[in-house]
Amino acid sequence: MTVPVRGVVPALTLTATATLTPAITDAAGSTTALDPVVATARGWAVPWAALLALALLAAAVVTAAVRRRRRRARSAEREAARVRDAVERALRDQEASAR
């Protein structure tokens, strides 16, 4: 049976140690302590909120990089078209003035 533990920050793996000291009560009502039993357990505690935040941040960085790359490519295409139009216009003007 899995019982959620409250107030523990998930840090990928957690270790817990429990110590149990059994006691025996006899018929006269006196209590005798036996040797303590110690158990240690490890378990995964995945920080889902942190992983989600990291994934969103990575997606934002990749999106920004892709948009920047596309914007630069469009700008380069516009500049190439502007230069091509200017060269064509200059050649036409040169042909017109040569006549």
PDB file of N, CA and C in Angstrom:
ATOM      1  N   MET A   1       0.842  -1.167   0.000  1.00  0.00           N
ATOM      2  CA  MET A   1       0.000   0.000   0.000  1.00  0.00           C
ATOM      3  C   MET A   1       0.888   1.231   0.000  1.00  0.00           C
ATOM      4  N   THR A   2       0.620   2.161  -0.897  1.00  0.00           N
ATOM      5  CA  THR A   2       1.389   3.394  -0.997  1.00  0.00           C
ATOM      6  C   THR A   2       0.634   4.507  -0.297  1.00  0.00           C
ATOM      7  N   VAL A   3       1.330   5.175   0.589  1.00  0.00           N
ATOM      8  CA  VAL A   3       0.738   6.292   1.329  1.00  0.00           C
ATOM      9  C   VAL A   3       1.514   7.543   0.967  1.00  0.00           C
ATOM     10  N   PRO A   4       0.840   8.584   0.468  1.00  0.00           N
ATOM     11  CA  PRO A   4       1.562   9.802   0.123  1.00  0.00           C
ATOM     12  C   PRO A   4       2.101  10.491   1.377  1.00  0.00           C
ATOM     13  N   VAL A   5       3.276  11.040   1.240  1.00  0.00           N
ATOM     14  CA  VAL A   5       3.906  11.751   2.343  1.00  0.00           C
ATOM     15  C   VAL A   5       3.814  13.237   2.051  1.00  0.00           C
ATOM     16  N   ARG A   6       3.274  13.998   2.961  1.00  0.00           N
ATOM     17  CA  ARG A   6       3.100  15.441   2.790  1.00  0.00           C
ATOM     18  C   ARG A   6       4.311  16.180   3.338  1.00  0.00           C
ATOM     19  N   GLY A   7       4.622  17.318   2.732  1.00  0.00           N
ATOM     20  CA  GLY A   7       5.674  18.177   3.245  1.00  0.00           C
ATOM     21  C   GLY A   7       7.083  17.747   2.897  1.00  0.00           C
ATOM     22  N   VAL A   8       7.239  16.850   1.939  1.00  0.00           N
ATOM     23  CA  VAL A   8       8.568  16.392   1.533  1.00  0.00           C
ATOM     24  C   VAL A   8       8.812  16.888   0.117  1.00  0.00           C
ATOM     25  N   VAL A   9       9.906  17.579  -0.053  1.00  0.00           N
ATOM     26  CA  VAL A   9      10.249  18.096  -1.375  1.00  0.00           C
ATOM     27  C   VAL A   9      10.794  16.959  -2.230  1.00  0.00           C
ATOM     28  N   PRO A  10      10.220  16.729  -3.419  1.00  0.00           N
ATOM     29  CA  PRO A  10      10.712  15.652  -4.271  1.00  0.00           C
ATOM     30  C   PRO A  10      12.109  15.968  -4.782  1.00  0.00           C
ATOM     31  N   ALA A  11      13.021  15.039  -4.623  1.00  0.00           N
ATOM     32  CA  ALA A  11      14.406  15.247  -5.030  1.00  0.00           C
ATOM     33  C   ALA A  11      14.948  14.027  -5.752  1.00  0.00           C
ATOM     34  N   LEU A  12      14.157  13.458  -6.621  1.00  0.00           N
ATOM     35  CA  LEU A  12      14.470  12.262  -7.404  1.00  0.00           C
ATOM     36  C   LEU A  12      14.492  11.000  -6.555  1.00  0.00           C
ATOM     37  N   THR A  13      15.345  10.899  -5.564  1.00  0.00           N
ATOM     38  CA  THR A  13      15.292   9.745  -4.664  1.00  0.00           C
ATOM     39  C   THR A  13      15.274  10.232  -3.224  1.00  0.00           C
ATOM     40  N   LEU A  14      14.536   9.530  -2.418  1.00  0.00           N
ATOM     41  CA  LEU A  14      14.444   9.843  -0.998  1.00  0.00           C
ATOM     42  C   LEU A  14      14.772   8.598  -0.196  1.00  0.00           C
ATOM     43  N   THR A  15      15.329   8.818   0.965  1.00  0.00           N
ATOM     44  CA  THR A  15      15.640   7.714   1.873  1.00  0.00           C
ATOM     45  C   THR A  15      14.959   8.001   3.202  1.00  0.00           C
ATOM     46  N   ALA A  16      14.320   6.994   3.748  1.00  0.00           N
ATOM     47  CA  ALA A  16      13.661   7.140   5.048  1.00  0.00           C
ATOM     48  C   ALA A  16      14.114   5.995   5.957  1.00  0.00           C
ATOM     49  N   THR A  17      14.319   6.339   7.212  1.00  0.00           N
ATOM     50  CA  THR A  17      14.702   5.336   8.198  1.00  0.00           C
ATOM     51  C   THR A  17      13.693   5.382   9.337  1.00  0.00           C
ATOM     52  N   ALA A  18      13.219   4.224   9.726  1.00  0.00           N
ATOM     53  CA  ALA A  18      12.270   4.126  10.846  1.00  0.00           C
ATOM     54  C   ALA A  18      12.849   3.185  11.898  1.00  0.00           C
ATOM     55  N   THR A  19      12.694   3.604  13.140  1.00  0.00           N
ATOM     56  CA  THR A  19      13.144   2.775  14.259  1.00  0.00           C
ATOM     57  C   THR A  19      11.942   2.452  15.119  1.00  0.00           C
ATOM     58  N   LEU A  20      11.750   1.174  15.395  1.00  0.00           N
ATOM     59  CA  LEU A  20      10.631   0.722  16.209  1.00  0.00           C
ATOM     60  C   LEU A  20      11.193  -0.030  17.416  1.00  0.00           C
ATOM     61  N   THR A  21      10.794   0.422  18.581  1.00  0.00           N
ATOM     62  CA  THR A  21      11.220  -0.250  19.807  1.00  0.00           C
ATOM     63  C   THR A  21      10.012  -0.973  20.391  1.00  0.00           C
ATOM     64  N   PRO A  22       9.936  -2.293  20.224  1.00  0.00           N
ATOM     65  CA  PRO A  22       8.787  -3.029  20.749  1.00  0.00           C
ATOM     66  C   PRO A  22       8.872  -3.151  22.274  1.00  0.00           C
ATOM     67  N   ALA A  23       7.726  -3.184  22.869  1.00  0.00           N
ATOM     68  CA  ALA A  23       7.667  -3.329  24.331  1.00  0.00           C
ATOM     69  C   ALA A  23       6.700  -4.465  24.668  1.00  0.00           C
ATOM     70  N   ILE A  24       7.057  -5.235  25.677  1.00  0.00           N
ATOM     71  CA  ILE A  24       6.213  -6.337  26.139  1.00  0.00           C
ATOM     72  C   ILE A  24       5.708  -5.981  27.539  1.00  0.00           C
ATOM     73  N   THR A  25       4.429  -6.119  27.723  1.00  0.00           N
ATOM     74  CA  THR A  25       3.847  -5.888  29.043  1.00  0.00           C
ATOM     75  C   THR A  25       3.463  -7.238  29.625  1.00  0.00           C
ATOM     76  N   ASP A  26       3.980  -7.510  30.820  1.00  0.00           N
ATOM     77  CA  ASP A  26       3.653  -8.806  31.438  1.00  0.00           C
ATOM     78  C   ASP A  26       2.371  -8.687  32.260  1.00  0.00           C
ATOM     79  N   ALA A  27       1.984  -9.782  32.900  1.00  0.00           N
ATOM     80  CA  ALA A  27       0.731  -9.838  33.663  1.00  0.00           C
ATOM     81  C   ALA A  27       0.734  -8.864  34.835  1.00  0.00           C
ATOM     82  N   ALA A  28       1.901  -8.543  35.375  1.00  0.00           N
ATOM     83  CA  ALA A  28       1.979  -7.630  36.511  1.00  0.00           C
ATOM     84  C   ALA A  28       1.900  -6.175  36.071  1.00  0.00           C
ATOM     85  N   GLY A  29       1.963  -5.925  34.762  1.00  0.00           N
ATOM     86  CA  GLY A  29       1.853  -4.566  34.258  1.00  0.00           C
ATOM     87  C   GLY A  29       3.190  -3.893  34.012  1.00  0.00           C
ATOM     88  N   SER A  30       4.287  -4.596  34.257  1.00  0.00           N
ATOM     89  CA  SER A  30       5.585  -3.979  33.980  1.00  0.00           C
ATOM     90  C   SER A  30       5.911  -4.130  32.494  1.00  0.00           C
ATOM     91  N   THR A  31       6.616  -3.171  31.973  1.00  0.00           N
ATOM     92  CA  THR A  31       6.942  -3.138  30.538  1.00  0.00           C
ATOM     93  C   THR A  31       8.427  -3.395  30.362  1.00  0.00           C
ATOM     94  N   THR A  32       8.727  -4.250  29.423  1.00  0.00           N
ATOM     95  CA  THR A  32      10.107  -4.549  29.085  1.00  0.00           C
ATOM     96  C   THR A  32      10.328  -4.207  27.619  1.00  0.00           C
ATOM     97  N   ALA A  33      11.355  -3.390  27.346  1.00  0.00           N
ATOM     98  CA  ALA A  33      11.668  -3.014  25.965  1.00  0.00           C
ATOM     99  C   ALA A  33      12.548  -4.077  25.339  1.00  0.00           C
ATOM    100  N   LEU A  34      12.239  -4.413  24.117  1.00  0.00           N
ATOM    101  CA  LEU A  34      13.057  -5.350  23.356  1.00  0.00           C
ATOM    102  C   LEU A  34      14.045  -4.559  22.493  1.00  0.00           C
ATOM    103  N   ASP A  35      14.910  -5.276  21.807  1.00  0.00           N
ATOM    104  CA  ASP A  35      15.866  -4.605  20.922  1.00  0.00           C
ATOM    105  C   ASP A  35      15.111  -3.843  19.833  1.00  0.00           C
ATOM    106  N   PRO A  36      15.555  -2.627  19.534  1.00  0.00           N
ATOM    107  CA  PRO A  36      14.876  -1.853  18.485  1.00  0.00           C
ATOM    108  C   PRO A  36      15.083  -2.486  17.111  1.00  0.00           C
ATOM    109  N   VAL A  37      14.095  -2.286  16.259  1.00  0.00           N
ATOM    110  CA  VAL A  37      14.143  -2.762  14.875  1.00  0.00           C
ATOM    111  C   VAL A  37      14.280  -1.527  13.997  1.00  0.00           C
ATOM    112  N   VAL A  38      15.281  -1.518  13.148  1.00  0.00           N
ATOM    113  CA  VAL A  38      15.539  -0.380  12.268  1.00  0.00           C
ATOM    114  C   VAL A  38      15.343  -0.834  10.830  1.00  0.00           C
ATOM    115  N   ALA A  39      14.610  -0.045  10.068  1.00  0.00           N
ATOM    116  CA  ALA A  39      14.389  -0.344   8.650  1.00  0.00           C
ATOM    117  C   ALA A  39      14.640   0.921   7.842  1.00  0.00           C
ATOM    118  N   THR A  40      15.272   0.761   6.715  1.00  0.00           N
ATOM    119  CA  THR A  40      15.550   1.873   5.812  1.00  0.00           C
ATOM    120  C   THR A  40      14.941   1.540   4.461  1.00  0.00           C
ATOM    121  N   ALA A  41      14.334   2.533   3.857  1.00  0.00           N
ATOM    122  CA  ALA A  41      13.718   2.335   2.541  1.00  0.00           C
ATOM    123  C   ALA A  41      14.068   3.510   1.648  1.00  0.00           C
ATOM    124  N   ARG A  42      14.146   3.224   0.371  1.00  0.00           N
ATOM    125  CA  ARG A  42      14.406   4.255  -0.629  1.00  0.00           C
ATOM    126  C   ARG A  42      13.274   4.229  -1.642  1.00  0.00           C
ATOM    127  N   GLY A  43      12.999   5.397  -2.171  1.00  0.00           N
ATOM    128  CA  GLY A  43      11.942   5.462  -3.169  1.00  0.00           C
ATOM    129  C   GLY A  43      12.136   6.649  -4.092  1.00  0.00           C
ATOM    130  N   TRP A  44      11.479   6.582  -5.221  1.00  0.00           N
ATOM    131  CA  TRP A  44      11.545   7.666  -6.192  1.00  0.00           C
ATOM    132  C   TRP A  44      10.558   8.747  -5.808  1.00  0.00           C
ATOM    133  N   ALA A  45      11.002   9.976  -5.913  1.00  0.00           N
ATOM    134  CA  ALA A  45      10.145  11.138  -5.684  1.00  0.00           C
ATOM    135  C   ALA A  45      10.406  12.097  -6.838  1.00  0.00           C
ATOM    136  N   VAL A  46       9.695  11.893  -7.920  1.00  0.00           N
ATOM    137  CA  VAL A  46       9.921  12.668  -9.136  1.00  0.00           C
ATOM    138  C   VAL A  46       9.329  14.069  -8.964  1.00  0.00           C
ATOM    139  N   PRO A  47      10.133  15.097  -9.180  1.00  0.00           N
ATOM    140  CA  PRO A  47       9.641  16.469  -9.054  1.00  0.00           C
ATOM    141  C   PRO A  47       8.890  16.887 -10.326  1.00  0.00           C
ATOM    142  N   TRP A  48       7.649  16.442 -10.441  1.00  0.00           N
ATOM    143  CA  TRP A  48       6.881  16.674 -11.669  1.00  0.00           C
ATOM    144  C   TRP A  48       6.726  18.146 -11.993  1.00  0.00           C
ATOM    145  N   ALA A  49       6.463  18.970 -10.999  1.00  0.00           N
ATOM    146  CA  ALA A  49       6.282  20.403 -11.259  1.00  0.00           C
ATOM    147  C   ALA A  49       7.565  21.022 -11.808  1.00  0.00           C
ATOM    148  N   ALA A  50       8.695  20.654 -11.244  1.00  0.00           N
ATOM    149  CA  ALA A  50       9.971  21.185 -11.731  1.00  0.00           C
ATOM    150  C   ALA A  50      10.273  20.673 -13.141  1.00  0.00           C
ATOM    151  N   LEU A  51       9.986  19.412 -13.400  1.00  0.00           N
ATOM    152  CA  LEU A  51      10.212  18.863 -14.737  1.00  0.00           C
ATOM    153  C   LEU A  51       9.310  19.531 -15.772  1.00  0.00           C
ATOM    154  N   LEU A  52       8.061  19.796 -15.392  1.00  0.00           N
ATOM    155  CA  LEU A  52       7.148  20.490 -16.301  1.00  0.00           C
ATOM    156  C   LEU A  52       7.646  21.900 -16.573  1.00  0.00           C
ATOM    157  N   ALA A  53       8.081  22.605 -15.541  1.00  0.00           N
ATOM    158  CA  ALA A  53       8.608  23.962 -15.722  1.00  0.00           C
ATOM    159  C   ALA A  53       9.846  23.938 -16.621  1.00  0.00           C
ATOM    160  N   LEU A  54      10.710  22.964 -16.440  1.00  0.00           N
ATOM    161  CA  LEU A  54      11.905  22.838 -17.274  1.00  0.00           C
ATOM    162  C   LEU A  54      11.526  22.552 -18.726  1.00  0.00           C
ATOM    163  N   ALA A  55      10.550  21.682 -18.931  1.00  0.00           N
ATOM    164  CA  ALA A  55      10.094  21.371 -20.290  1.00  0.00           C
ATOM    165  C   ALA A  55       9.492  22.602 -20.959  1.00  0.00           C
ATOM    166  N   LEU A  56       8.702  23.372 -20.221  1.00  0.00           N
ATOM    167  CA  LEU A  56       8.115  24.597 -20.780  1.00  0.00           C
ATOM    168  C   LEU A  56       9.196  25.617 -21.118  1.00  0.00           C
ATOM    169  N   LEU A  57      10.186  25.740 -20.256  1.00  0.00           N
ATOM    170  CA  LEU A  57      11.285  26.664 -20.528  1.00  0.00           C
ATOM    171  C   LEU A  57      12.054  26.232 -21.772  1.00  0.00           C
ATOM    172  N   ALA A  58      12.325  24.941 -21.900  1.00  0.00           N
ATOM    173  CA  ALA A  58      13.033  24.430 -23.080  1.00  0.00           C
ATOM    174  C   ALA A  58      12.218  24.672 -24.348  1.00  0.00           C
ATOM    175  N   ALA A  59      10.910  24.453 -24.273  1.00  0.00           N
ATOM    176  CA  ALA A  59      10.043  24.692 -25.429  1.00  0.00           C
ATOM    177  C   ALA A  59      10.051  26.173 -25.815  1.00  0.00           C
ATOM    178  N   ALA A  60      10.054  27.059 -24.825  1.00  0.00           N
ATOM    179  CA  ALA A  60      10.088  28.497 -25.105  1.00  0.00           C
ATOM    180  C   ALA A  60      11.403  28.894 -25.763  1.00  0.00           C
ATOM    181  N   VAL A  61      12.506  28.327 -25.299  1.00  0.00           N
ATOM    182  CA  VAL A  61      13.813  28.640 -25.887  1.00  0.00           C
ATOM    183  C   VAL A  61      13.887  28.137 -27.326  1.00  0.00           C
ATOM    184  N   VAL A  62      13.417  26.917 -27.566  1.00  0.00           N
ATOM    185  CA  VAL A  62      13.440  26.363 -28.924  1.00  0.00           C
ATOM    186  C   VAL A  62      12.531  27.174 -29.843  1.00  0.00           C
ATOM    187  N   THR A  63      11.351  27.541 -29.365  1.00  0.00           N
ATOM    188  CA  THR A  63      10.425  28.347 -30.167  1.00  0.00           C
ATOM    189  C   THR A  63      11.040  29.692 -30.517  1.00  0.00           C
ATOM    190  N   ALA A  64      11.674  30.344 -29.545  1.00  0.00           N
ATOM    191  CA  ALA A  64      12.311  31.633 -29.804  1.00  0.00           C
ATOM    192  C   ALA A  64      13.429  31.493 -30.830  1.00  0.00           C
ATOM    193  N   ALA A  65      14.215  30.425 -30.727  1.00  0.00           N
ATOM    194  CA  ALA A  65      15.309  30.220 -31.681  1.00  0.00           C
ATOM    195  C   ALA A  65      14.776  29.974 -33.086  1.00  0.00           C
ATOM    196  N   VAL A  66      13.728  29.173 -33.193  1.00  0.00           N
ATOM    197  CA  VAL A  66      13.148  28.889 -34.515  1.00  0.00           C
ATOM    198  C   VAL A  66      12.563  30.161 -35.118  1.00  0.00           C
ATOM    199  N   ARG A  67      11.853  30.937 -34.309  1.00  0.00           N
ATOM    200  CA  ARG A  67      11.279  32.193 -34.821  1.00  0.00           C
ATOM    201  C   ARG A  67      12.368  33.156 -35.257  1.00  0.00           C
ATOM    202  N   ARG A  68      13.435  33.270 -34.476  1.00  0.00           N
ATOM    203  CA  ARG A  68      14.533  34.164 -34.832  1.00  0.00           C
ATOM    204  C   ARG A  68      15.170  33.726 -36.144  1.00  0.00           C
ATOM    205  N   ARG A  69      15.372  32.416 -36.300  1.00  0.00           N
ATOM    206  CA  ARG A  69      15.978  31.901 -37.523  1.00  0.00           C
ATOM    207  C   ARG A  69      15.078  32.188 -38.732  1.00  0.00           C
ATOM    208  N   ARG A  70      13.773  31.982 -38.576  1.00  0.00           N
ATOM    209  CA  ARG A  70      12.842  32.244 -39.685  1.00  0.00           C
ATOM    210  C   ARG A  70      12.797  33.729 -40.014  1.00  0.00           C
ATOM    211  N   ARG A  71      12.808  34.577 -38.968  1.00  0.00           N
ATOM    212  CA  ARG A  71      12.772  36.021 -39.182  1.00  0.00           C
ATOM    213  C   ARG A  71      14.026  36.462 -39.946  1.00  0.00           C
ATOM    214  N   ARG A  72      15.184  35.925 -39.581  1.00  0.00           N
ATOM    215  CA  ARG A  72      16.417  36.273 -40.281  1.00  0.00           C
ATOM    216  C   ARG A  72      16.384  35.795 -41.726  1.00  0.00           C
ATOM    217  N   ALA A  73      15.829  34.621 -41.960  1.00  0.00           N
ATOM    218  CA  ALA A  73      15.744  34.095 -43.326  1.00  0.00           C
ATOM    219  C   ALA A  73      14.826  34.974 -44.180  1.00  0.00           C
ATOM    220  N   ARG A  74      13.671  35.372 -43.610  1.00  0.00           N
ATOM    221  CA  ARG A  74      12.759  36.255 -44.355  1.00  0.00           C
ATOM    222  C   ARG A  74      13.411  37.596 -44.634  1.00  0.00           C
ATOM    223  N   SER A  75      14.141  38.119 -43.668  1.00  0.00           N
ATOM    224  CA  SER A  75      14.826  39.391 -43.845  1.00  0.00           C
ATOM    225  C   SER A  75      15.880  39.275 -44.939  1.00  0.00           C
ATOM    226  N   ALA A  76      16.611  38.164 -44.954  1.00  0.00           N
ATOM    227  CA  ALA A  76      17.625  37.949 -45.990  1.00  0.00           C
ATOM    228  C   ALA A  76      16.967  37.822 -47.360  1.00  0.00           C
ATOM    229  N   GLU A  77      15.822  37.142 -47.433  1.00  0.00           N
ATOM    230  CA  GLU A  77      15.104  37.027 -48.710  1.00  0.00           C
ATOM    231  C   GLU A  77      14.636  38.386 -49.191  1.00  0.00           C
ATOM    232  N   ARG A  78      14.091  39.206 -48.280  1.00  0.00           N
ATOM    233  CA  ARG A  78      13.633  40.544 -48.666  1.00  0.00           C
ATOM    234  C   ARG A  78      14.804  41.403 -49.144  1.00  0.00           C
ATOM    235  N   GLU A  79      15.931  41.300 -48.447  1.00  0.00           N
ATOM    236  CA  GLU A  79      17.111  42.073 -48.838  1.00  0.00           C
ATOM    237  C   GLU A  79      17.616  41.617 -50.199  1.00  0.00           C
ATOM    238  N   ALA A  80      17.643  40.302 -50.442  1.00  0.00           N
ATOM    239  CA  ALA A  80      18.077  39.776 -51.743  1.00  0.00           C
ATOM    240  C   ALA A  80      17.133  40.247 -52.844  1.00  0.00           C
ATOM    241  N   ALA A  81      15.828  40.245 -52.584  1.00  0.00           N
ATOM    242  CA  ALA A  81      14.856  40.717 -53.578  1.00  0.00           C
ATOM    243  C   ALA A  81      15.051  42.207 -53.840  1.00  0.00           C
ATOM    244  N   ARG A  82      15.312  42.973 -52.788  1.00  0.00           N
ATOM    245  CA  ARG A  82      15.512  44.418 -52.942  1.00  0.00           C
ATOM    246  C   ARG A  82      16.767  44.682 -53.777  1.00  0.00           C
ATOM    247  N   VAL A  83      17.840  43.947 -53.523  1.00  0.00           N
ATOM    248  CA  VAL A  83      19.075  44.114 -54.296  1.00  0.00           C
ATOM    249  C   VAL A  83      18.846  43.692 -55.739  1.00  0.00           C
ATOM    250  N   ARG A  84      18.145  42.558 -55.931  1.00  0.00           N
ATOM    251  CA  ARG A  84      17.872  42.082 -57.286  1.00  0.00           C
ATOM    252  C   ARG A  84      17.059  43.115 -58.070  1.00  0.00           C
ATOM    253  N   ASP A  85      16.022  43.711 -57.442  1.00  0.00           N
ATOM    254  CA  ASP A  85      15.212  44.734 -58.093  1.00  0.00           C
ATOM    255  C   ASP A  85      16.048  45.972 -58.411  1.00  0.00           C
ATOM    256  N   ALA A  86      16.939  46.344 -57.501  1.00  0.00           N
ATOM    257  CA  ALA A  86      17.774  47.522 -57.728  1.00  0.00           C
ATOM    258  C   ALA A  86      18.739  47.277 -58.888  1.00  0.00           C
ATOM    259  N   VAL A  87      19.283  46.062 -58.970  1.00  0.00           N
ATOM    260  CA  VAL A  87      20.198  45.737 -60.075  1.00  0.00           C
ATOM    261  C   VAL A  87      19.441  45.749 -61.391  1.00  0.00           C
ATOM    262  N   GLU A  88      18.249  45.162 -61.423  1.00  0.00           N
ATOM    263  CA  GLU A  88      17.440  45.150 -62.654  1.00  0.00           C
ATOM    264  C   GLU A  88      17.091  46.575 -63.079  1.00  0.00           C
ATOM    265  N   ARG A  89      16.705  47.391 -62.113  1.00  0.00           N
ATOM    266  CA  ARG A  89      16.364  48.787 -62.410  1.00  0.00           C
ATOM    267  C   ARG A  89      17.588  49.527 -62.955  1.00  0.00           C
ATOM    268  N   ALA A  90      18.752  49.296 -62.344  1.00  0.00           N
ATOM    269  CA  ALA A  90      19.973  49.964 -62.804  1.00  0.00           C
ATOM    270  C   ALA A  90      20.336  49.515 -64.210  1.00  0.00           C
ATOM    271  N   LEU A  91      20.174  48.216 -64.496  1.00  0.00           N
ATOM    272  CA  LEU A  91      20.472  47.724 -65.845  1.00  0.00           C
ATOM    273  C   LEU A  91      19.508  48.310 -66.865  1.00  0.00           C
ATOM    274  N   ARG A  92      18.227  48.415 -66.520  1.00  0.00           N
ATOM    275  CA  ARG A  92      17.241  49.016 -67.432  1.00  0.00           C
ATOM    276  C   ARG A  92      17.565  50.478 -67.680  1.00  0.00           C
ATOM    277  N   ASP A  93      17.919  51.181 -66.601  1.00  0.00           N
ATOM    278  CA  ASP A  93      18.274  52.607 -66.747  1.00  0.00           C
ATOM    279  C   ASP A  93      19.512  52.760 -67.614  1.00  0.00           C
ATOM    280  N   GLN A  94      20.479  51.839 -67.457  1.00  0.00           N
ATOM    281  CA  GLN A  94      21.700  51.902 -68.235  1.00  0.00           C
ATOM    282  C   GLN A  94      21.403  51.632 -69.709  1.00  0.00           C
ATOM    283  N   GLU A  95      20.513  50.663 -69.984  1.00  0.00           N
ATOM    284  CA  GLU A  95      20.135  50.362 -71.361  1.00  0.00           C
ATOM    285  C   GLU A  95      19.376  51.533 -71.960  1.00  0.00           C
ATOM    286  N   ALA A  96      18.499  52.147 -71.181  1.00  0.00           N
ATOM    287  CA  ALA A  96      17.713  53.272 -71.676  1.00  0.00           C
ATOM    288  C   ALA A  96      18.606  54.480 -71.969  1.00  0.00           C
ATOM    289  N   SER A  97      19.594  54.700 -71.160  1.00  0.00           N
ATOM    290  CA  SER A  97      20.477  55.848 -71.373  1.00  0.00           C
ATOM    291  C   SER A  97      21.466  55.572 -72.495  1.00  0.00           C
ATOM    292  N   ALA A  98      21.729  54.297 -72.798  1.00  0.00           N
ATOM    293  CA  ALA A  98      22.650  53.945 -73.875  1.00  0.00           C
ATOM    294  C   ALA A  98      21.985  54.119 -75.249  1.00  0.00           C
ATOM    295  N   ARG A  99      20.731  54.177 -75.323  1.00  0.00           N
ATOM    296  CA  ARG A  99      20.026  54.288 -76.612  1.00  0.00           C
ATOM    297  C   ARG A  99      20.037  55.651 -77.095  1.00  0.00           C
TER     298      ARG A  99
END
